[in-house]
Amino acid sequence: MDMNQLFYHHQIALMTASRTRPNGDGAFDLARHYATRINRFRRSRGLSPDFTGYSDRSPGF
């Protein structure tokens, strides 16, 4: 998957999670998954791992 596809899927996951119940368990799990993949992609190319300030290790988006 290229960077644009990863960003697209991450954005869709964020929008989907934002429409779930406020205390929905795991609502942001898919978004975190894509954040992890984006950061891995960036690291493999020598870029900063935390794109636009998001971290795949942060507790919430």
N, C-alpha and C. Protein backbone atom coordinates (compact mmCIF):
# COMPACT_ATOMS: atom_id res chain seq x y z
N MET A 1 0.85 -1.17 0.00
CA MET A 1 0.00 0.00 0.00
C MET A 1 0.90 1.23 0.00
N ASP A 2 0.57 2.21 -0.81
CA ASP A 2 1.39 3.43 -0.80
C ASP A 2 0.86 4.41 0.26
N MET A 3 1.60 5.50 0.47
CA MET A 3 1.28 6.46 1.53
C MET A 3 -0.12 7.05 1.36
N ASN A 4 -0.52 7.38 0.14
CA ASN A 4 -1.85 7.96 -0.08
C ASN A 4 -2.96 6.98 0.33
N GLN A 5 -2.78 5.70 0.01
CA GLN A 5 -3.77 4.71 0.40
C GLN A 5 -3.84 4.58 1.92
N LEU A 6 -2.68 4.60 2.57
CA LEU A 6 -2.66 4.52 4.03
C LEU A 6 -3.36 5.72 4.66
N PHE A 7 -3.08 6.91 4.15
CA PHE A 7 -3.76 8.11 4.67
C PHE A 7 -5.27 8.03 4.44
N TYR A 8 -5.67 7.55 3.27
CA TYR A 8 -7.10 7.43 2.96
C TYR A 8 -7.77 6.48 3.96
N HIS A 9 -7.20 5.30 4.15
CA HIS A 9 -7.80 4.33 5.05
C HIS A 9 -7.79 4.82 6.50
N HIS A 10 -6.74 5.53 6.88
CA HIS A 10 -6.68 6.10 8.23
C HIS A 10 -7.80 7.12 8.42
N GLN A 11 -8.00 7.97 7.44
CA GLN A 11 -9.05 8.99 7.54
C GLN A 11 -10.44 8.35 7.61
N ILE A 12 -10.69 7.35 6.79
CA ILE A 12 -11.97 6.65 6.82
C ILE A 12 -12.19 6.00 8.19
N ALA A 13 -11.13 5.39 8.74
CA ALA A 13 -11.23 4.76 10.06
C ALA A 13 -11.54 5.79 11.13
N LEU A 14 -10.93 6.99 11.05
CA LEU A 14 -11.22 8.04 12.02
C LEU A 14 -12.67 8.52 11.91
N MET A 15 -13.14 8.70 10.69
CA MET A 15 -14.52 9.16 10.50
C MET A 15 -15.52 8.11 11.00
N THR A 16 -15.23 6.85 10.74
CA THR A 16 -16.11 5.77 11.20
C THR A 16 -16.12 5.71 12.72
N ALA A 17 -14.94 5.80 13.33
CA ALA A 17 -14.85 5.74 14.79
C ALA A 17 -15.55 6.92 15.45
N SER A 18 -15.51 8.08 14.80
CA SER A 18 -16.14 9.26 15.39
C SER A 18 -17.67 9.14 15.41
N ARG A 19 -18.22 8.25 14.60
CA ARG A 19 -19.67 8.06 14.56
C ARG A 19 -20.14 6.96 15.51
N THR A 20 -19.20 6.30 16.18
CA THR A 20 -19.59 5.24 17.11
C THR A 20 -19.95 5.85 18.45
N ARG A 21 -20.45 5.03 19.34
CA ARG A 21 -20.78 5.50 20.69
C ARG A 21 -19.54 6.03 21.38
N PRO A 22 -19.70 7.06 22.22
CA PRO A 22 -18.54 7.66 22.88
C PRO A 22 -17.65 6.68 23.64
N ASN A 23 -18.25 5.68 24.28
CA ASN A 23 -17.46 4.72 25.05
C ASN A 23 -17.30 3.39 24.32
N GLY A 24 -17.44 3.41 23.01
CA GLY A 24 -17.31 2.18 22.23
C GLY A 24 -15.92 1.60 22.34
N ASP A 25 -15.84 0.40 22.86
CA ASP A 25 -14.54 -0.25 23.01
C ASP A 25 -13.94 -0.51 21.63
N GLY A 26 -12.72 -0.10 21.48
CA GLY A 26 -12.00 -0.39 20.25
C GLY A 26 -12.39 0.46 19.06
N ALA A 27 -13.11 1.54 19.27
CA ALA A 27 -13.57 2.36 18.15
C ALA A 27 -12.42 2.90 17.32
N PHE A 28 -11.31 3.18 17.96
CA PHE A 28 -10.18 3.76 17.24
C PHE A 28 -9.08 2.74 16.95
N ASP A 29 -9.34 1.47 17.18
CA ASP A 29 -8.32 0.45 16.94
C ASP A 29 -7.86 0.42 15.49
N LEU A 30 -8.78 0.51 14.55
CA LEU A 30 -8.40 0.47 13.14
C LEU A 30 -7.60 1.72 12.76
N ALA A 31 -7.98 2.87 13.29
CA ALA A 31 -7.23 4.09 13.02
C ALA A 31 -5.81 3.96 13.57
N ARG A 32 -5.67 3.39 14.77
CA ARG A 32 -4.34 3.16 15.34
C ARG A 32 -3.53 2.19 14.49
N HIS A 33 -4.21 1.17 13.97
CA HIS A 33 -3.55 0.22 13.08
C HIS A 33 -2.94 0.94 11.87
N TYR A 34 -3.73 1.81 11.25
CA TYR A 34 -3.21 2.53 10.08
C TYR A 34 -2.14 3.55 10.48
N ALA A 35 -2.27 4.16 11.67
CA ALA A 35 -1.21 5.07 12.14
C ALA A 35 0.10 4.31 12.31
N THR A 36 0.00 3.10 12.83
CA THR A 36 1.20 2.26 12.97
C THR A 36 1.81 1.95 11.62
N ARG A 37 0.97 1.60 10.66
CA ARG A 37 1.48 1.29 9.31
C ARG A 37 2.08 2.52 8.65
N ILE A 38 1.45 3.69 8.83
CA ILE A 38 1.99 4.92 8.26
C ILE A 38 3.34 5.22 8.88
N ASN A 39 3.43 5.11 10.21
CA ASN A 39 4.70 5.39 10.87
C ASN A 39 5.78 4.40 10.46
N ARG A 40 5.43 3.14 10.29
CA ARG A 40 6.39 2.14 9.81
C ARG A 40 6.86 2.49 8.40
N PHE A 41 5.93 2.89 7.54
CA PHE A 41 6.25 3.29 6.17
C PHE A 41 7.21 4.48 6.19
N ARG A 42 6.91 5.47 7.04
CA ARG A 42 7.75 6.67 7.13
C ARG A 42 9.15 6.33 7.65
N ARG A 43 9.22 5.51 8.70
CA ARG A 43 10.53 5.13 9.25
C ARG A 43 11.38 4.42 8.22
N SER A 44 10.76 3.55 7.42
CA SER A 44 11.51 2.79 6.42
C SER A 44 12.10 3.69 5.34
N ARG A 45 11.59 4.91 5.25
CA ARG A 45 12.10 5.86 4.26
C ARG A 45 12.89 7.01 4.90
N GLY A 46 13.22 6.84 6.18
CA GLY A 46 14.04 7.82 6.87
C GLY A 46 13.32 9.09 7.28
N LEU A 47 11.98 9.03 7.35
CA LEU A 47 11.19 10.20 7.75
C LEU A 47 10.83 10.11 9.22
N SER A 48 10.40 11.22 9.78
CA SER A 48 9.94 11.24 11.16
C SER A 48 8.75 10.28 11.30
N PRO A 49 8.73 9.45 12.34
CA PRO A 49 7.67 8.45 12.45
C PRO A 49 6.30 9.01 12.83
N ASP A 50 6.22 10.17 13.46
CA ASP A 50 4.93 10.69 13.92
C ASP A 50 4.38 11.71 12.93
N PHE A 51 3.61 11.21 11.96
CA PHE A 51 3.08 12.10 10.93
C PHE A 51 2.11 13.11 11.53
N THR A 52 2.24 14.33 11.16
CA THR A 52 1.41 15.46 11.59
C THR A 52 1.07 15.45 13.08
N GLY A 53 2.02 14.99 13.90
CA GLY A 53 1.82 15.04 15.34
C GLY A 53 1.10 13.85 15.93
N TYR A 54 0.60 12.92 15.11
CA TYR A 54 -0.07 11.74 15.64
C TYR A 54 0.95 10.66 15.91
N SER A 55 0.74 9.95 16.96
CA SER A 55 1.61 8.83 17.29
C SER A 55 0.76 7.58 17.38
N ASP A 56 1.28 6.49 16.87
CA ASP A 56 0.55 5.23 16.99
C ASP A 56 0.58 4.72 18.43
N ARG A 57 1.34 5.38 19.30
CA ARG A 57 1.40 4.99 20.70
C ARG A 57 0.51 5.86 21.58
N SER A 58 -0.05 6.92 21.05
CA SER A 58 -0.88 7.81 21.87
C SER A 58 -2.19 7.11 22.22
N PRO A 59 -2.74 7.41 23.41
CA PRO A 59 -3.94 6.71 23.87
C PRO A 59 -5.19 7.00 23.05
N GLY A 60 -5.26 8.11 22.40
CA GLY A 60 -6.45 8.40 21.61
C GLY A 60 -6.17 9.41 20.52
N PHE A 61 -6.99 9.43 19.53
CA PHE A 61 -6.81 10.36 18.41
C PHE A 61 -7.84 11.46 18.53
